[in-house]
């Protein structure tokens, strides 16, 4: 006679093995590439910061027609002795016009002699200006005044006109300088009747055949 307990199937003994568990679906494994080994970085050469240097920029060339530097030989008014002498002479009735002329010259007449030109400012309030270059001067004349301390100078130009410079101080020295510059300055060739000759261009016009 068997007991009731024998009729009920019992759990599986340990001989049959453990009960298999359900296996979950897993994503297929992909072989990942091995990470590249860290290579030592090469030292980076650092260039020094650029240093601002001052660049020398050449000065712009002077435009055509720009003024050229001139050396001033003399700049000033008439000799002071001319004014003093004429004022003393003006104490007489005859010398009054000469005294007035000397005062006007002392106030408004100015001479400027440079290495390129001669400029004379005169007239009432010094409003008149006359300017000549050395190539225009044909002759230089002078007369000593005041026992040779000053003198009157006259410049004769190529067209026949004259430029007077009265009571010039250092007139002998200035006359020699003007004469030297006059001789060294190139002259413009003159054609017939005082007309300037045409420059030679190397082209000879052909004569037309007569009909």
N, C-alpha and C. Protein backbone atom coordinates (compact mmCIF):
# COMPACT_ATOMS: atom_id res chain seq x y z
N UNK A 1 0.87 -1.15 0.00
CA UNK A 1 0.00 0.00 0.00
C UNK A 1 0.91 1.21 0.00
N UNK A 2 0.58 2.04 -0.99
CA UNK A 2 1.39 3.24 -1.11
C UNK A 2 0.67 4.41 -0.55
N UNK A 3 1.41 5.36 -0.08
CA UNK A 3 0.81 6.54 0.54
C UNK A 3 0.44 7.53 -0.54
N UNK A 4 -0.34 8.49 -0.08
CA UNK A 4 -0.80 9.50 -1.04
C UNK A 4 0.30 10.39 -1.51
N UNK A 5 1.27 10.40 -0.68
CA UNK A 5 2.37 11.27 -1.07
C UNK A 5 3.15 10.71 -2.22
N UNK A 6 3.11 9.36 -2.35
CA UNK A 6 3.88 8.77 -3.43
C UNK A 6 3.22 8.98 -4.77
N UNK A 7 1.88 9.16 -4.77
CA UNK A 7 1.18 9.31 -6.05
C UNK A 7 1.42 10.69 -6.68
N UNK A 8 1.74 11.70 -5.86
CA UNK A 8 1.97 13.07 -6.41
C UNK A 8 3.41 13.19 -6.90
N UNK A 9 3.51 13.61 -8.10
CA UNK A 9 4.89 13.74 -8.59
C UNK A 9 5.61 14.86 -7.86
N UNK A 10 6.73 14.60 -7.42
CA UNK A 10 7.52 15.59 -6.67
C UNK A 10 8.41 16.37 -7.62
N UNK A 11 9.05 17.21 -7.08
CA UNK A 11 9.98 18.01 -7.91
C UNK A 11 11.08 17.16 -8.45
N UNK A 12 11.62 17.65 -9.51
CA UNK A 12 12.69 16.87 -10.16
C UNK A 12 13.88 16.85 -9.27
N UNK A 13 14.41 15.66 -9.23
CA UNK A 13 15.58 15.46 -8.37
C UNK A 13 16.76 16.15 -8.98
N UNK A 14 17.76 16.21 -8.21
CA UNK A 14 18.96 16.88 -8.69
C UNK A 14 19.66 16.11 -9.75
N UNK A 15 19.30 14.84 -10.02
CA UNK A 15 19.98 14.10 -11.07
C UNK A 15 19.56 14.59 -12.44
N UNK A 16 18.29 15.02 -12.52
CA UNK A 16 17.83 15.47 -13.85
C UNK A 16 18.41 16.83 -14.27
N UNK A 17 19.03 17.56 -13.39
CA UNK A 17 19.65 18.89 -13.70
C UNK A 17 18.71 20.03 -13.44
N UNK A 18 19.20 21.19 -13.47
CA UNK A 18 18.34 22.37 -13.17
C UNK A 18 17.39 22.64 -14.32
N UNK A 19 16.34 23.25 -13.96
CA UNK A 19 15.31 23.59 -14.96
C UNK A 19 15.81 24.70 -15.85
N UNK A 20 15.81 24.49 -17.14
CA UNK A 20 16.35 25.55 -18.04
C UNK A 20 15.51 26.81 -17.97
N UNK A 21 16.19 27.97 -17.91
CA UNK A 21 15.52 29.28 -17.86
C UNK A 21 15.38 29.84 -19.27
N UNK A 22 14.37 30.61 -19.55
CA UNK A 22 14.21 31.21 -20.90
C UNK A 22 15.34 32.19 -21.19
N UNK A 23 15.90 32.12 -22.38
CA UNK A 23 17.04 32.98 -22.78
C UNK A 23 16.49 34.18 -23.55
N UNK A 24 16.85 35.36 -23.10
CA UNK A 24 16.40 36.59 -23.79
C UNK A 24 17.21 36.80 -25.06
N UNK A 25 16.54 37.37 -26.06
CA UNK A 25 17.23 37.64 -27.34
C UNK A 25 18.20 38.80 -27.16
N UNK A 26 19.42 38.59 -27.56
CA UNK A 26 20.46 39.61 -27.42
C UNK A 26 20.88 40.08 -28.81
N UNK A 27 21.22 41.36 -28.85
CA UNK A 27 21.68 41.94 -30.14
C UNK A 27 23.01 41.35 -30.52
N UNK A 28 23.20 41.09 -31.79
CA UNK A 28 24.48 40.50 -32.19
C UNK A 28 25.62 41.43 -31.87
N UNK A 29 26.66 40.88 -31.38
CA UNK A 29 27.84 41.67 -31.01
C UNK A 29 28.68 41.90 -32.25
N UNK A 30 29.05 43.16 -32.43
CA UNK A 30 29.93 43.51 -33.57
C UNK A 30 31.30 43.79 -33.03
N UNK A 31 32.22 43.30 -33.75
CA UNK A 31 33.60 43.49 -33.30
C UNK A 31 34.02 44.92 -33.54
N UNK A 32 34.26 45.64 -32.50
CA UNK A 32 34.67 47.06 -32.61
C UNK A 32 36.18 47.13 -32.78
N UNK A 33 36.58 48.07 -33.66
CA UNK A 33 38.02 48.22 -33.91
C UNK A 33 38.69 48.76 -32.67
N UNK A 34 39.82 48.25 -32.40
CA UNK A 34 40.49 48.73 -31.19
C UNK A 34 40.86 50.20 -31.33
N UNK A 35 40.70 50.92 -30.26
CA UNK A 35 41.01 52.37 -30.26
C UNK A 35 42.50 52.55 -30.52
N UNK A 36 42.84 53.49 -31.39
CA UNK A 36 44.27 53.70 -31.68
C UNK A 36 45.01 54.14 -30.44
N UNK A 37 46.17 53.61 -30.35
CA UNK A 37 46.97 53.96 -29.18
C UNK A 37 47.38 55.41 -29.25
N UNK A 38 47.36 56.02 -28.14
CA UNK A 38 47.72 57.45 -28.06
C UNK A 38 49.20 57.61 -28.36
N UNK A 39 49.46 58.37 -29.44
CA UNK A 39 50.86 58.61 -29.81
C UNK A 39 51.31 59.91 -29.18
N UNK A 40 52.53 59.95 -28.78
CA UNK A 40 53.02 61.20 -28.16
C UNK A 40 53.06 62.33 -29.19
N UNK A 41 52.46 63.44 -28.83
CA UNK A 41 52.39 64.59 -29.75
C UNK A 41 53.76 65.22 -29.87
N UNK A 42 54.09 65.57 -31.15
CA UNK A 42 55.38 66.21 -31.39
C UNK A 42 55.35 67.63 -30.86
N UNK A 43 56.45 68.10 -30.38
CA UNK A 43 56.45 69.48 -29.85
C UNK A 43 56.19 70.48 -30.96
N UNK A 44 55.27 71.40 -30.71
CA UNK A 44 54.88 72.41 -31.69
C UNK A 44 55.78 73.61 -31.54
N UNK A 45 56.39 73.97 -32.66
CA UNK A 45 57.29 75.13 -32.60
C UNK A 45 56.47 76.40 -32.61
N UNK A 46 56.63 77.19 -31.62
CA UNK A 46 55.88 78.45 -31.51
C UNK A 46 56.76 79.57 -32.02
N UNK A 47 56.23 80.29 -33.03
CA UNK A 47 56.98 81.42 -33.58
C UNK A 47 56.77 82.64 -32.71
N UNK A 48 57.80 83.45 -32.54
CA UNK A 48 57.63 84.65 -31.72
C UNK A 48 56.64 85.60 -32.34
N UNK A 49 55.99 86.37 -31.52
CA UNK A 49 55.01 87.33 -32.01
C UNK A 49 55.66 88.33 -32.93
N UNK A 50 55.01 88.66 -34.05
CA UNK A 50 55.64 89.62 -34.98
C UNK A 50 55.81 90.97 -34.32
N UNK A 51 56.96 91.55 -34.57
CA UNK A 51 57.27 92.85 -33.99
C UNK A 51 57.02 93.90 -35.05
N UNK A 52 56.27 94.90 -34.70
CA UNK A 52 55.97 95.98 -35.65
C UNK A 52 57.21 96.81 -35.88
N UNK A 53 57.60 96.89 -37.14
CA UNK A 53 58.78 97.68 -37.49
C UNK A 53 58.35 98.87 -38.32
N UNK A 54 58.99 99.96 -38.09
CA UNK A 54 58.67 101.18 -38.83
C UNK A 54 59.29 101.11 -40.22
N UNK A 55 58.44 101.17 -41.23
CA UNK A 55 58.92 101.12 -42.60
C UNK A 55 59.19 102.53 -43.08
N UNK A 56 60.31 102.70 -43.73
CA UNK A 56 60.65 104.01 -44.26
C UNK A 56 59.97 104.19 -45.61
N UNK A 57 59.06 105.14 -45.67
CA UNK A 57 58.31 105.41 -46.89
C UNK A 57 58.98 106.57 -47.60
N UNK A 58 59.37 106.39 -48.85
CA UNK A 58 60.04 107.50 -49.56
C UNK A 58 59.10 108.67 -49.73
N UNK A 59 59.65 109.86 -49.62
CA UNK A 59 58.86 111.07 -49.77
C UNK A 59 58.36 111.18 -51.20
N UNK A 60 57.13 111.67 -51.37
CA UNK A 60 56.60 111.79 -52.73
C UNK A 60 57.41 112.78 -53.55
N UNK A 61 57.58 112.45 -54.81
CA UNK A 61 58.34 113.34 -55.71
C UNK A 61 57.56 114.61 -55.92
N UNK A 62 58.24 115.73 -55.99
CA UNK A 62 57.53 116.99 -56.21
C UNK A 62 56.85 117.00 -57.56
N UNK A 63 55.65 117.51 -57.58
CA UNK A 63 54.90 117.57 -58.82
C UNK A 63 55.53 118.57 -59.76
N UNK A 64 55.21 118.38 -61.04
CA UNK A 64 55.77 119.29 -62.03
C UNK A 64 55.23 120.68 -61.79
N UNK A 65 56.09 121.66 -61.88
CA UNK A 65 55.70 123.02 -61.62
C UNK A 65 55.85 123.42 -60.17
N UNK A 66 56.21 122.50 -59.30
CA UNK A 66 56.41 122.85 -57.92
C UNK A 66 57.63 123.74 -57.77
N UNK A 67 57.56 124.59 -56.70
CA UNK A 67 58.66 125.50 -56.49
C UNK A 67 59.92 124.75 -56.09
N UNK A 68 61.08 125.27 -56.61
CA UNK A 68 62.38 124.69 -56.32
C UNK A 68 63.07 125.57 -55.29
N UNK A 69 63.85 124.94 -54.42
CA UNK A 69 64.55 125.68 -53.39
C UNK A 69 65.49 126.70 -54.02
N UNK A 70 65.48 127.89 -53.46
CA UNK A 70 66.32 128.98 -53.93
C UNK A 70 67.20 129.47 -52.80
N UNK A 71 68.40 129.87 -53.14
CA UNK A 71 69.33 130.44 -52.18
C UNK A 71 69.20 131.96 -52.21
N UNK A 72 68.85 132.54 -51.09
CA UNK A 72 68.65 133.99 -51.02
C UNK A 72 70.02 134.65 -50.84
N UNK A 73 70.37 135.52 -51.77
CA UNK A 73 71.63 136.25 -51.71
C UNK A 73 71.46 137.56 -50.96
N UNK A 74 70.40 138.26 -51.25
CA UNK A 74 70.10 139.50 -50.54
C UNK A 74 68.59 139.68 -50.49
N UNK A 75 68.10 140.16 -49.35
CA UNK A 75 66.68 140.47 -49.19
C UNK A 75 66.57 141.62 -48.19
N UNK A 76 66.01 142.71 -48.64
CA UNK A 76 65.88 143.87 -47.76
C UNK A 76 65.55 145.11 -48.57
N UNK A 77 65.59 146.25 -47.87
CA UNK A 77 65.25 147.51 -48.49
C UNK A 77 66.49 148.27 -48.92
N UNK A 78 66.30 149.52 -49.32
CA UNK A 78 67.44 150.36 -49.72
C UNK A 78 68.36 150.63 -48.54
N UNK A 79 69.53 151.19 -48.86
CA UNK A 79 70.51 151.50 -47.83
C UNK A 79 70.00 152.58 -46.89
N UNK A 80 70.31 152.45 -45.64
CA UNK A 80 69.86 153.43 -44.65
C UNK A 80 70.52 154.79 -44.87
N UNK A 81 71.76 154.79 -45.37
CA UNK A 81 72.44 156.06 -45.62
C UNK A 81 71.72 156.91 -46.65
N UNK A 82 71.03 156.26 -47.61
CA UNK A 82 70.27 157.01 -48.61
C UNK A 82 69.16 157.81 -47.94
N UNK A 83 68.47 157.22 -46.99
CA UNK A 83 67.39 157.91 -46.29
C UNK A 83 67.94 159.06 -45.44
N UNK A 84 69.00 158.81 -44.72
CA UNK A 84 69.55 159.86 -43.86
C UNK A 84 70.06 161.03 -44.69
N UNK A 85 70.78 160.76 -45.75
CA UNK A 85 71.32 161.84 -46.58
C UNK A 85 70.23 162.68 -47.22
N UNK A 86 69.15 162.03 -47.70
CA UNK A 86 68.08 162.79 -48.34
C UNK A 86 67.24 163.55 -47.32
N UNK A 87 67.13 163.04 -46.11
CA UNK A 87 66.42 163.80 -45.07
C UNK A 87 67.18 165.08 -44.73
N UNK A 88 68.48 165.00 -44.65
CA UNK A 88 69.27 166.20 -44.40
C UNK A 88 69.17 167.17 -45.57
N UNK A 89 69.17 166.61 -46.78
CA UNK A 89 69.03 167.45 -47.96
C UNK A 89 67.63 168.06 -48.05
N UNK A 90 66.64 167.38 -47.44
CA UNK A 90 65.28 167.89 -47.47
C UNK A 90 65.05 169.09 -46.58
N UNK A 91 66.04 169.48 -45.79
CA UNK A 91 65.90 170.70 -44.99
C UNK A 91 65.88 171.95 -45.87
N UNK A 92 66.36 171.77 -47.07
CA UNK A 92 66.28 172.86 -48.04
C UNK A 92 65.04 172.68 -48.91
N UNK A 93 64.64 173.74 -49.55
CA UNK A 93 63.43 173.66 -50.39
C UNK A 93 63.68 172.75 -51.59
N UNK A 94 64.87 172.80 -52.13
CA UNK A 94 65.17 171.98 -53.31
C UNK A 94 65.18 170.49 -52.97
N UNK A 95 65.59 170.17 -51.76
CA UNK A 95 65.73 168.76 -51.39
C UNK A 95 64.48 168.10 -50.88
N UNK A 96 63.35 168.83 -50.80
CA UNK A 96 62.11 168.22 -50.28
C UNK A 96 61.64 167.06 -51.16
N UNK A 97 61.59 167.18 -52.48
CA UNK A 97 61.15 166.03 -53.29
C UNK A 97 62.05 164.81 -53.13
N UNK A 98 63.36 165.05 -52.99
CA UNK A 98 64.27 163.92 -52.81
C UNK A 98 64.06 163.24 -51.46
N UNK A 99 63.73 164.03 -50.44
CA UNK A 99 63.46 163.46 -49.12
C UNK A 99 62.19 162.62 -49.13
N UNK A 100 61.16 163.11 -49.81
CA UNK A 100 59.91 162.35 -49.90
C UNK A 100 60.13 161.04 -50.64
N UNK A 101 60.88 161.09 -51.74
CA UNK A 101 61.16 159.86 -52.50
C UNK A 101 61.96 158.86 -51.67
N UNK A 102 62.90 159.36 -50.86
CA UNK A 102 63.68 158.46 -50.01
C UNK A 102 62.81 157.82 -48.93
N UNK A 103 61.85 158.57 -48.40
CA UNK A 103 60.95 158.01 -47.38
C UNK A 103 60.08 156.91 -47.99
N UNK A 104 59.57 157.15 -49.20
CA UNK A 104 58.73 156.14 -49.87
C UNK A 104 59.54 154.88 -50.15
N UNK A 105 60.77 155.04 -50.60
CA UNK A 105 61.62 153.86 -50.85
C UNK A 105 61.89 153.09 -49.56
N UNK A 106 62.17 153.81 -48.49
CA UNK A 106 62.47 153.13 -47.23
C UNK A 106 61.26 152.38 -46.67
N UNK A 107 60.06 152.88 -46.95
CA UNK A 107 58.86 152.25 -46.41
C UNK A 107 58.40 151.05 -47.23
N UNK A 108 58.45 151.14 -48.55
CA UNK A 108 57.74 150.15 -49.36
C UNK A 108 58.58 149.46 -50.41
N UNK A 109 59.79 149.89 -50.67
CA UNK A 109 60.62 149.23 -51.67
C UNK A 109 61.42 148.12 -51.01
N UNK A 110 61.33 146.93 -51.60
CA UNK A 110 62.07 145.77 -51.10
C UNK A 110 62.68 145.03 -52.28
N UNK A 111 63.94 144.63 -52.08
CA UNK A 111 64.67 143.87 -53.09
C UNK A 111 64.89 142.45 -52.59
N UNK A 112 64.81 141.52 -53.52
CA UNK A 112 65.08 140.11 -53.20
C UNK A 112 65.86 139.49 -54.35
N UNK A 113 67.10 139.14 -54.08
CA UNK A 113 67.97 138.54 -55.09
C UNK A 113 68.28 137.11 -54.65
N UNK A 114 67.90 136.14 -55.46
CA UNK A 114 68.12 134.73 -55.15
C UNK A 114 68.99 134.12 -56.25
N UNK A 115 69.20 132.83 -56.13
CA UNK A 115 70.00 132.12 -57.12
C UNK A 115 69.26 131.87 -58.42
N UNK A 116 67.97 132.21 -58.47
CA UNK A 116 67.18 131.96 -59.68
C UNK A 116 66.56 133.21 -60.28
N UNK A 117 66.29 134.23 -59.47
CA UNK A 117 65.57 135.39 -59.99
C UNK A 117 65.83 136.63 -59.16
N UNK A 118 65.36 137.77 -59.67
CA UNK A 118 65.45 139.06 -58.97
C UNK A 118 64.04 139.62 -58.88
N UNK A 119 63.62 139.99 -57.69
CA UNK A 119 62.27 140.49 -57.45
C UNK A 119 62.37 141.86 -56.79
N UNK A 120 61.59 142.80 -57.31
CA UNK A 120 61.55 144.15 -56.77
C UNK A 120 60.10 144.49 -56.45
N UNK A 121 59.82 144.79 -55.20
CA UNK A 121 58.50 145.25 -54.77
C UNK A 121 58.58 146.75 -54.50
N UNK A 122 57.67 147.50 -55.10
CA UNK A 122 57.70 148.95 -54.93
C UNK A 122 56.34 149.54 -55.19
N UNK A 123 56.35 150.83 -55.51
CA UNK A 123 55.09 151.52 -55.74
C UNK A 123 54.41 151.91 -54.43
N UNK A 124 53.21 152.43 -54.56
CA UNK A 124 52.46 152.87 -53.39
C UNK A 124 52.03 151.66 -52.56
N UNK A 125 52.44 151.65 -51.31
CA UNK A 125 52.17 150.56 -50.37
C UNK A 125 52.84 149.25 -50.80
N UNK A 126 53.81 149.32 -51.71
CA UNK A 126 54.53 148.12 -52.14
C UNK A 126 53.69 147.15 -52.92
N UNK A 127 52.70 147.65 -53.66
CA UNK A 127 51.79 146.77 -54.39
C UNK A 127 52.33 146.33 -55.74
N UNK A 128 53.30 147.04 -56.27
CA UNK A 128 53.86 146.69 -57.58
C UNK A 128 55.01 145.69 -57.39
N UNK A 129 54.99 144.67 -58.20
CA UNK A 129 56.05 143.66 -58.14
C UNK A 129 56.58 143.40 -59.54
N UNK A 130 57.90 143.41 -59.65
CA UNK A 130 58.58 143.10 -60.90
C UNK A 130 59.56 141.96 -60.64
N UNK A 131 59.53 140.98 -61.52
CA UNK A 131 60.37 139.80 -61.33
C UNK A 131 61.00 139.40 -62.65
N UNK A 132 62.30 139.18 -62.63
CA UNK A 132 63.03 138.76 -63.84
C UNK A 132 63.95 137.61 -63.47
N UNK A 133 64.26 136.80 -64.47
CA UNK A 133 65.24 135.72 -64.30
C UNK A 133 66.52 136.15 -64.99
N UNK A 134 67.60 135.48 -64.67
CA UNK A 134 68.90 135.92 -65.15
C UNK A 134 69.05 135.77 -66.67
N UNK A 135 68.33 134.83 -67.24
CA UNK A 135 68.44 134.65 -68.70
C UNK A 135 67.81 135.81 -69.47
N UNK A 136 67.01 136.65 -68.80
CA UNK A 136 66.39 137.79 -69.47
C UNK A 136 67.26 139.04 -69.42
N UNK A 137 68.32 139.03 -68.62
CA UNK A 137 69.15 140.21 -68.44
C UNK A 137 70.20 140.27 -69.55
N UNK A 138 70.28 141.42 -70.21
CA UNK A 138 71.27 141.61 -71.26
C UNK A 138 72.50 142.37 -70.78
N UNK A 139 72.28 143.28 -69.81
CA UNK A 139 73.39 144.12 -69.35
C UNK A 139 73.09 144.59 -67.93
N UNK A 140 74.15 144.79 -67.15
CA UNK A 140 74.05 145.28 -65.79
C UNK A 140 74.87 146.57 -65.68
N UNK A 141 74.26 147.63 -65.20
CA UNK A 141 74.93 148.90 -65.01
C UNK A 141 74.74 149.36 -63.56
N UNK A 142 75.73 150.08 -63.07
CA UNK A 142 75.64 150.59 -61.69
C UNK A 142 76.37 151.91 -61.57
N UNK A 143 75.90 152.74 -60.62
CA UNK A 143 76.49 154.05 -60.34
C UNK A 143 76.67 154.15 -58.83
N UNK A 144 77.90 154.38 -58.34
CA UNK A 144 78.10 154.47 -56.88
C UNK A 144 77.49 155.75 -56.31
N UNK A 145 76.97 155.64 -55.10
CA UNK A 145 76.40 156.76 -54.35
C UNK A 145 76.95 156.73 -52.93
N UNK A 146 76.84 157.88 -52.26
CA UNK A 146 77.26 157.92 -50.86
C UNK A 146 78.71 157.54 -50.67
N UNK A 147 79.59 158.08 -51.53
CA UNK A 147 81.02 157.79 -51.45
C UNK A 147 81.32 156.28 -51.58
N UNK A 148 80.50 155.60 -52.36
CA UNK A 148 80.71 154.18 -52.61
C UNK A 148 80.09 153.25 -51.59
N UNK A 149 79.36 153.81 -50.59
CA UNK A 149 78.73 152.95 -49.57
C UNK A 149 77.52 152.21 -50.13
N UNK A 150 76.83 152.78 -51.07
CA UNK A 150 75.72 152.13 -51.75
C UNK A 150 75.72 152.64 -53.19
N UNK A 151 74.79 152.14 -53.99
CA UNK A 151 74.78 152.54 -55.39
C UNK A 151 73.45 152.24 -56.05
N UNK A 152 73.23 152.86 -57.18
CA UNK A 152 72.05 152.61 -58.01
C UNK A 152 72.42 151.61 -59.10
N UNK A 153 71.52 150.66 -59.34
CA UNK A 153 71.77 149.60 -60.32
C UNK A 153 70.63 149.57 -61.32
N UNK A 154 70.98 149.33 -62.59
CA UNK A 154 70.00 149.24 -63.66
C UNK A 154 70.24 147.94 -64.41
N UNK A 155 69.17 147.16 -64.60
CA UNK A 155 69.23 145.91 -65.36
C UNK A 155 68.55 146.14 -66.70
N UNK A 156 69.31 145.99 -67.77
CA UNK A 156 68.76 146.12 -69.12
C UNK A 156 68.35 144.74 -69.60
N UNK A 157 67.08 144.58 -69.96
CA UNK A 157 66.55 143.28 -70.36
C UNK A 157 66.64 143.09 -71.86
N UNK A 158 66.38 141.87 -72.31
CA UNK A 158 66.49 141.53 -73.72
C UNK A 158 65.48 142.30 -74.58
N UNK A 159 64.32 142.62 -74.03
CA UNK A 159 63.32 143.34 -74.82
C UNK A 159 63.52 144.85 -74.80
N UNK A 160 64.61 145.32 -74.17
CA UNK A 160 64.90 146.74 -74.14
C UNK A 160 64.41 147.46 -72.91
N UNK A 161 63.55 146.83 -72.10
CA UNK A 161 63.07 147.48 -70.88
C UNK A 161 64.15 147.48 -69.81
N UNK A 162 63.97 148.31 -68.78
CA UNK A 162 64.97 148.47 -67.73
C UNK A 162 64.31 148.29 -66.36
N UNK A 163 65.06 147.70 -65.48
CA UNK A 163 64.63 147.53 -64.09
C UNK A 163 65.62 148.27 -63.20
N UNK A 164 65.14 149.31 -62.50
CA UNK A 164 66.01 150.14 -61.67
C UNK A 164 65.93 149.68 -60.21
N UNK A 165 67.08 149.64 -59.59
CA UNK A 165 67.19 149.31 -58.16
C UNK A 165 68.05 150.39 -57.52
N UNK A 166 67.40 151.30 -56.82
CA UNK A 166 68.09 152.47 -56.26
C UNK A 166 68.56 152.18 -54.83
N UNK A 167 69.68 152.82 -54.50
CA UNK A 167 70.25 152.76 -53.15
C UNK A 167 70.46 151.31 -52.70
N UNK A 168 71.12 150.54 -53.57
CA UNK A 168 71.38 149.14 -53.25
C UNK A 168 72.61 149.04 -52.34
N UNK A 169 72.46 148.46 -51.16
CA UNK A 169 73.66 148.19 -50.35
C UNK A 169 74.44 147.01 -50.95
N UNK A 170 75.76 147.01 -50.71
CA UNK A 170 76.63 145.96 -51.25
C UNK A 170 76.47 145.86 -52.77
N UNK A 171 76.33 147.01 -53.42
CA UNK A 171 75.97 146.98 -54.83
C UNK A 171 77.09 146.39 -55.69
N UNK A 172 78.36 146.57 -55.31
CA UNK A 172 79.44 146.00 -56.11
C UNK A 172 79.43 144.47 -56.03
N UNK A 173 79.23 143.96 -54.85
CA UNK A 173 79.17 142.49 -54.68
C UNK A 173 77.97 141.91 -55.40
N UNK A 174 76.81 142.58 -55.28
CA UNK A 174 75.61 142.07 -55.94
C UNK A 174 75.71 142.21 -57.46
N UNK A 175 76.34 143.26 -57.93
CA UNK A 175 76.52 143.42 -59.37
C UNK A 175 77.39 142.30 -59.94
N UNK A 176 78.46 141.94 -59.23
CA UNK A 176 79.33 140.86 -59.70
C UNK A 176 78.57 139.53 -59.70
N UNK A 177 77.72 139.31 -58.70
CA UNK A 177 76.96 138.04 -58.65
C UNK A 177 75.94 137.99 -59.78
N UNK A 178 75.24 139.09 -60.02
CA UNK A 178 74.24 139.10 -61.10
C UNK A 178 74.91 138.89 -62.45
N UNK A 179 76.08 139.51 -62.64
CA UNK A 179 76.80 139.34 -63.91
C UNK A 179 77.24 137.89 -64.09
N UNK A 180 77.68 137.26 -63.01
CA UNK A 180 78.09 135.85 -63.10
C UNK A 180 76.91 134.94 -63.44
N UNK A 181 75.79 135.18 -62.79
CA UNK A 181 74.60 134.36 -63.06
C UNK A 181 74.06 134.63 -64.47
N UNK A 182 74.18 135.85 -64.93
CA UNK A 182 73.71 136.17 -66.28
C UNK A 182 74.51 135.43 -67.34
N UNK A 183 75.81 135.36 -67.14
CA UNK A 183 76.65 134.68 -68.13
C UNK A 183 76.49 133.17 -68.08
N UNK A 184 76.18 132.61 -66.92
CA UNK A 184 76.03 131.16 -66.80
C UNK A 184 74.65 130.66 -67.15
N UNK A 185 73.66 131.57 -67.26
CA UNK A 185 72.29 131.14 -67.59
C UNK A 185 72.17 130.94 -69.08
N UNK A 186 71.50 129.85 -69.53
CA UNK A 186 71.33 129.63 -70.97
C UNK A 186 70.39 130.66 -71.56
N UNK A 187 70.73 131.10 -72.74
CA UNK A 187 69.92 132.08 -73.45
C UNK A 187 69.03 131.38 -74.47
N UNK A 188 67.83 131.93 -74.65
CA UNK A 188 66.92 131.41 -75.67
C UNK A 188 67.35 131.92 -77.03
N UNK A 189 67.59 131.03 -77.99
CA UNK A 189 68.03 131.51 -79.31
C UNK A 189 66.98 132.40 -79.95
N UNK A 190 67.45 133.46 -80.58
CA UNK A 190 66.56 134.44 -81.19
C UNK A 190 66.56 134.28 -82.70
N UNK A 191 65.39 134.42 -83.28
CA UNK A 191 65.26 134.39 -84.72
C UNK A 191 65.31 135.80 -85.28
N UNK A 192 64.96 135.99 -86.52
CA UNK A 192 64.94 137.33 -87.09
C UNK A 192 63.88 138.21 -86.44
N UNK A 193 64.19 139.49 -86.31
CA UNK A 193 63.29 140.49 -85.73
C UNK A 193 62.97 140.17 -84.29
N UNK A 194 63.93 139.59 -83.57
CA UNK A 194 63.75 139.36 -82.13
C UNK A 194 62.84 138.22 -81.78
N UNK A 195 62.37 137.43 -82.76
CA UNK A 195 61.48 136.32 -82.48
C UNK A 195 62.31 135.10 -82.13
N UNK A 196 61.80 134.32 -81.20
CA UNK A 196 62.50 133.10 -80.80
C UNK A 196 62.43 132.08 -81.93
N UNK A 197 63.55 131.46 -82.20
CA UNK A 197 63.60 130.47 -83.28
C UNK A 197 62.94 129.18 -82.84
N UNK A 198 62.39 128.45 -83.81
CA UNK A 198 61.72 127.20 -83.50
C UNK A 198 62.75 126.11 -83.20
N UNK A 199 62.45 125.23 -82.27
CA UNK A 199 63.39 124.15 -81.99
C UNK A 199 63.48 123.18 -83.15
N UNK A 200 64.66 122.59 -83.31
CA UNK A 200 64.90 121.64 -84.38
C UNK A 200 64.34 120.29 -83.98
N UNK A 201 63.29 119.85 -84.67
CA UNK A 201 62.64 118.58 -84.35
C UNK A 201 63.13 117.45 -85.22
N UNK A 202 64.00 117.73 -86.20
CA UNK A 202 64.49 116.68 -87.09
C UNK A 202 63.55 116.35 -88.21
N UNK A 203 62.48 117.13 -88.38
CA UNK A 203 61.50 116.86 -89.44
C UNK A 203 61.55 118.02 -90.43
N UNK A 204 61.76 117.70 -91.68
CA UNK A 204 61.81 118.72 -92.73
C UNK A 204 60.56 118.60 -93.58
N UNK A 205 59.73 119.63 -93.60
CA UNK A 205 58.50 119.52 -94.41
C UNK A 205 58.83 119.43 -95.89
N UNK A 206 58.09 118.61 -96.60
CA UNK A 206 58.29 118.43 -98.03
C UNK A 206 57.59 119.53 -98.81
N UNK A 207 58.25 119.96 -99.87
CA UNK A 207 57.65 121.00 -100.71
C UNK A 207 56.60 120.38 -101.63
N UNK A 208 55.51 121.11 -101.78
CA UNK A 208 54.46 120.66 -102.67
C UNK A 208 54.86 120.89 -104.11
N UNK A 209 54.59 119.91 -104.98
CA UNK A 209 54.92 120.12 -106.40
C UNK A 209 54.07 121.21 -106.99
N UNK A 210 54.69 122.03 -107.78
CA UNK A 210 53.93 123.13 -108.41
C UNK A 210 53.01 122.57 -109.49
N UNK A 211 51.86 123.20 -109.61
CA UNK A 211 50.87 122.71 -110.57
C UNK A 211 51.30 123.04 -111.99
